[in-house]
Amino acid sequence: MRLKMANVSQIISKIIIKLINIYQHTLSPDHGWGRLLFSRAGCRFYPSCSEYIKQSIIERGLLIGLIFGFKRLGRCHPFSLGGYDPVRKQ
């Protein structure tokens, strides 16, 4: 049986979202017990970068969501002011 591209994209999206959830509940300095290890660390933006990528994949689909997520990661640096930056609705 052949899987259609849309089905493959949905499966990969679910896997990536599951991996982000695992990261958020373990290593993330914003969400998980990673904040015990890195008490001063945290995302400059709200929602956090990991949450932004997860929301953008859900909202825009796998490819566009990942592009938006990597653009957001590119804006996250020590000289960035950060702030409220929600995922834009379609």
N, C-alpha and C. Protein backbone atom coordinates (compact mmCIF):
# COMPACT_ATOMS: atom_id res chain seq x y z
N MET A 1 0.84 -1.17 0.00
CA MET A 1 0.00 0.00 0.00
C MET A 1 0.89 1.24 0.00
N ARG A 2 0.56 2.19 -0.84
CA ARG A 2 1.35 3.41 -0.94
C ARG A 2 0.75 4.51 -0.09
N LEU A 3 1.61 5.18 0.65
CA LEU A 3 1.16 6.31 1.45
C LEU A 3 1.20 7.57 0.60
N LYS A 4 0.21 8.40 0.73
CA LYS A 4 0.20 9.66 0.02
C LYS A 4 1.11 10.65 0.76
N MET A 5 1.60 11.64 0.03
CA MET A 5 2.49 12.64 0.61
C MET A 5 1.85 13.35 1.80
N ALA A 6 0.56 13.64 1.72
CA ALA A 6 -0.12 14.33 2.82
C ALA A 6 -0.10 13.47 4.09
N ASN A 7 -0.29 12.18 3.94
CA ASN A 7 -0.26 11.28 5.10
C ASN A 7 1.13 11.21 5.71
N VAL A 8 2.16 11.16 4.85
CA VAL A 8 3.54 11.12 5.33
C VAL A 8 3.85 12.40 6.09
N SER A 9 3.42 13.53 5.54
CA SER A 9 3.64 14.82 6.19
C SER A 9 2.96 14.88 7.56
N GLN A 10 1.75 14.36 7.66
CA GLN A 10 1.04 14.34 8.94
C GLN A 10 1.76 13.45 9.95
N ILE A 11 2.26 12.32 9.51
CA ILE A 11 2.97 11.41 10.41
C ILE A 11 4.25 12.07 10.92
N ILE A 12 5.01 12.68 10.00
CA ILE A 12 6.25 13.36 10.41
C ILE A 12 5.94 14.53 11.34
N SER A 13 4.86 15.27 11.06
CA SER A 13 4.46 16.37 11.93
C SER A 13 4.17 15.88 13.34
N LYS A 14 3.44 14.78 13.45
CA LYS A 14 3.11 14.23 14.77
C LYS A 14 4.37 13.78 15.51
N ILE A 15 5.32 13.20 14.77
CA ILE A 15 6.57 12.76 15.41
C ILE A 15 7.36 13.97 15.91
N ILE A 16 7.46 15.02 15.09
CA ILE A 16 8.20 16.22 15.50
C ILE A 16 7.53 16.87 16.69
N ILE A 17 6.22 16.97 16.69
CA ILE A 17 5.50 17.57 17.82
C ILE A 17 5.70 16.73 19.08
N LYS A 18 5.70 15.42 18.94
CA LYS A 18 5.94 14.54 20.09
C LYS A 18 7.36 14.76 20.64
N LEU A 19 8.35 14.90 19.75
CA LEU A 19 9.72 15.17 20.19
C LEU A 19 9.84 16.53 20.88
N ILE A 20 9.12 17.53 20.37
CA ILE A 20 9.12 18.84 21.03
C ILE A 20 8.50 18.73 22.42
N ASN A 21 7.41 17.98 22.53
CA ASN A 21 6.79 17.78 23.86
C ASN A 21 7.75 17.11 24.83
N ILE A 22 8.48 16.11 24.36
CA ILE A 22 9.46 15.44 25.22
C ILE A 22 10.53 16.43 25.66
N TYR A 23 11.04 17.23 24.71
CA TYR A 23 12.03 18.25 25.04
C TYR A 23 11.48 19.23 26.08
N GLN A 24 10.25 19.69 25.88
CA GLN A 24 9.66 20.66 26.79
C GLN A 24 9.50 20.11 28.20
N HIS A 25 9.22 18.83 28.32
CA HIS A 25 9.00 18.25 29.64
C HIS A 25 10.29 17.78 30.31
N THR A 26 11.41 17.80 29.60
CA THR A 26 12.66 17.33 30.19
C THR A 26 13.73 18.42 30.21
N LEU A 27 14.31 18.75 29.08
CA LEU A 27 15.48 19.61 29.03
C LEU A 27 15.20 21.11 28.95
N SER A 28 14.02 21.49 28.56
CA SER A 28 13.71 22.89 28.34
C SER A 28 13.89 23.74 29.60
N PRO A 29 14.65 24.85 29.48
CA PRO A 29 14.78 25.74 30.64
C PRO A 29 13.52 26.55 30.91
N ASP A 30 12.56 26.54 30.00
CA ASP A 30 11.29 27.25 30.21
C ASP A 30 10.20 26.36 30.77
N HIS A 31 10.13 25.11 30.31
CA HIS A 31 9.00 24.25 30.63
C HIS A 31 9.32 23.09 31.56
N GLY A 32 10.45 22.47 31.38
CA GLY A 32 10.74 21.22 32.07
C GLY A 32 11.68 21.38 33.24
N TRP A 33 12.22 20.27 33.70
CA TRP A 33 13.13 20.31 34.82
C TRP A 33 14.50 20.81 34.42
N GLY A 34 14.66 21.18 33.16
CA GLY A 34 15.88 21.84 32.73
C GLY A 34 16.07 23.18 33.41
N ARG A 35 14.98 23.78 33.87
CA ARG A 35 15.09 25.07 34.57
C ARG A 35 15.81 24.93 35.91
N LEU A 36 15.86 23.72 36.46
CA LEU A 36 16.62 23.50 37.69
C LEU A 36 18.12 23.55 37.41
N LEU A 37 18.51 23.10 36.22
CA LEU A 37 19.91 23.12 35.84
C LEU A 37 20.36 24.49 35.34
N PHE A 38 19.46 25.19 34.65
CA PHE A 38 19.78 26.49 34.06
C PHE A 38 18.79 27.52 34.57
N SER A 39 18.97 27.94 35.82
CA SER A 39 17.97 28.79 36.46
C SER A 39 17.84 30.16 35.80
N ARG A 40 18.89 30.67 35.20
CA ARG A 40 18.82 32.00 34.57
C ARG A 40 18.50 31.93 33.08
N ALA A 41 18.43 30.76 32.54
CA ALA A 41 18.14 30.60 31.11
C ALA A 41 16.64 30.71 30.87
N GLY A 42 16.30 30.98 29.67
CA GLY A 42 14.90 31.06 29.29
C GLY A 42 14.77 31.73 27.94
N CYS A 43 13.65 31.56 27.33
CA CYS A 43 13.43 32.14 26.02
C CYS A 43 13.14 33.63 26.14
N ARG A 44 13.62 34.40 25.20
CA ARG A 44 13.39 35.84 25.17
C ARG A 44 11.99 36.17 24.66
N PHE A 45 11.38 35.21 24.00
CA PHE A 45 10.08 35.45 23.39
C PHE A 45 8.98 34.71 24.15
N TYR A 46 7.75 35.19 23.95
CA TYR A 46 6.58 34.46 24.43
C TYR A 46 5.66 34.29 23.23
N PRO A 47 5.23 33.12 22.88
CA PRO A 47 5.55 31.83 23.48
C PRO A 47 7.01 31.46 23.22
N SER A 48 7.50 30.52 23.99
CA SER A 48 8.89 30.10 23.85
C SER A 48 9.14 29.57 22.44
N CYS A 49 10.40 29.47 22.08
CA CYS A 49 10.75 29.03 20.72
C CYS A 49 10.22 27.63 20.42
N SER A 50 10.33 26.73 21.37
CA SER A 50 9.84 25.37 21.12
C SER A 50 8.31 25.36 20.95
N GLU A 51 7.63 26.14 21.75
CA GLU A 51 6.17 26.22 21.64
C GLU A 51 5.77 26.89 20.32
N TYR A 52 6.53 27.88 19.91
CA TYR A 52 6.28 28.57 18.65
C TYR A 52 6.38 27.60 17.47
N ILE A 53 7.44 26.78 17.46
CA ILE A 53 7.62 25.82 16.37
C ILE A 53 6.47 24.82 16.37
N LYS A 54 6.09 24.35 17.55
CA LYS A 54 4.98 23.38 17.65
C LYS A 54 3.69 24.01 17.12
N GLN A 55 3.39 25.23 17.54
CA GLN A 55 2.17 25.90 17.09
C GLN A 55 2.20 26.20 15.59
N SER A 56 3.37 26.57 15.08
CA SER A 56 3.45 26.89 13.65
C SER A 56 3.27 25.64 12.80
N ILE A 57 3.77 24.50 13.25
CA ILE A 57 3.55 23.25 12.51
C ILE A 57 2.07 22.89 12.51
N ILE A 58 1.42 23.04 13.65
CA ILE A 58 -0.01 22.74 13.74
C ILE A 58 -0.81 23.70 12.87
N GLU A 59 -0.46 24.98 12.90
CA GLU A 59 -1.22 26.02 12.21
C GLU A 59 -0.96 26.04 10.70
N ARG A 60 0.31 25.90 10.29
CA ARG A 60 0.69 26.10 8.90
C ARG A 60 1.09 24.85 8.14
N GLY A 61 1.24 23.73 8.83
CA GLY A 61 1.71 22.51 8.17
C GLY A 61 3.19 22.32 8.40
N LEU A 62 3.69 21.18 8.00
CA LEU A 62 5.06 20.78 8.32
C LEU A 62 6.11 21.71 7.70
N LEU A 63 6.11 21.87 6.42
CA LEU A 63 7.17 22.62 5.74
C LEU A 63 7.16 24.10 6.12
N ILE A 64 6.04 24.75 5.97
CA ILE A 64 5.96 26.18 6.30
C ILE A 64 6.16 26.39 7.79
N GLY A 65 5.63 25.50 8.61
CA GLY A 65 5.81 25.60 10.06
C GLY A 65 7.27 25.52 10.47
N LEU A 66 8.01 24.61 9.85
CA LEU A 66 9.44 24.51 10.15
C LEU A 66 10.21 25.74 9.65
N ILE A 67 9.83 26.27 8.50
CA ILE A 67 10.48 27.49 8.00
C ILE A 67 10.26 28.63 8.98
N PHE A 68 9.00 28.83 9.41
CA PHE A 68 8.70 29.88 10.39
C PHE A 68 9.48 29.64 11.68
N GLY A 69 9.55 28.38 12.11
CA GLY A 69 10.26 28.06 13.35
C GLY A 69 11.74 28.37 13.27
N PHE A 70 12.38 28.03 12.15
CA PHE A 70 13.81 28.31 12.00
C PHE A 70 14.07 29.81 11.87
N LYS A 71 13.14 30.54 11.25
CA LYS A 71 13.28 32.00 11.22
C LYS A 71 13.23 32.57 12.63
N ARG A 72 12.33 32.03 13.43
CA ARG A 72 12.21 32.48 14.82
C ARG A 72 13.48 32.17 15.60
N LEU A 73 14.03 30.99 15.42
CA LEU A 73 15.29 30.64 16.10
C LEU A 73 16.42 31.57 15.67
N GLY A 74 16.39 32.02 14.42
CA GLY A 74 17.39 32.97 13.95
C GLY A 74 17.27 34.33 14.60
N ARG A 75 16.06 34.69 15.04
CA ARG A 75 15.86 35.97 15.73
C ARG A 75 16.20 35.90 17.22
N CYS A 76 16.39 34.71 17.72
CA CYS A 76 16.64 34.52 19.16
C CYS A 76 18.15 34.54 19.39
N HIS A 77 18.65 35.68 19.82
CA HIS A 77 20.08 35.86 20.08
C HIS A 77 20.24 36.87 21.21
N PRO A 78 21.43 37.02 21.77
CA PRO A 78 21.62 37.88 22.93
C PRO A 78 21.26 39.35 22.71
N PHE A 79 21.27 39.83 21.47
CA PHE A 79 20.97 41.23 21.20
C PHE A 79 19.51 41.48 20.85
N SER A 80 18.72 40.43 20.85
CA SER A 80 17.30 40.55 20.54
C SER A 80 16.53 41.00 21.78
N LEU A 81 15.56 41.88 21.58
CA LEU A 81 14.73 42.33 22.70
C LEU A 81 13.69 41.29 23.09
N GLY A 82 13.30 40.44 22.14
CA GLY A 82 12.30 39.41 22.44
C GLY A 82 10.92 40.02 22.55
N GLY A 83 10.10 39.46 23.41
CA GLY A 83 8.74 39.95 23.62
C GLY A 83 7.69 38.99 23.12
N TYR A 84 6.47 39.51 23.00
CA TYR A 84 5.34 38.70 22.57
C TYR A 84 5.39 38.54 21.05
N ASP A 85 5.42 37.31 20.58
CA ASP A 85 5.54 37.01 19.15
C ASP A 85 4.74 35.75 18.83
N PRO A 86 3.41 35.90 18.68
CA PRO A 86 2.59 34.72 18.42
C PRO A 86 2.74 34.25 16.97
N VAL A 87 2.31 33.03 16.71
CA VAL A 87 2.26 32.51 15.35
C VAL A 87 1.16 33.24 14.61
N ARG A 88 1.49 33.76 13.44
CA ARG A 88 0.48 34.47 12.64
C ARG A 88 -0.53 33.49 12.07
N LYS A 89 -1.78 33.83 12.15
CA LYS A 89 -2.84 32.99 11.58
C LYS A 89 -2.83 33.14 10.07
N GLN A 90 -3.30 32.12 9.39
CA GLN A 90 -3.30 32.15 7.91
C GLN A 90 -4.29 33.13 7.40
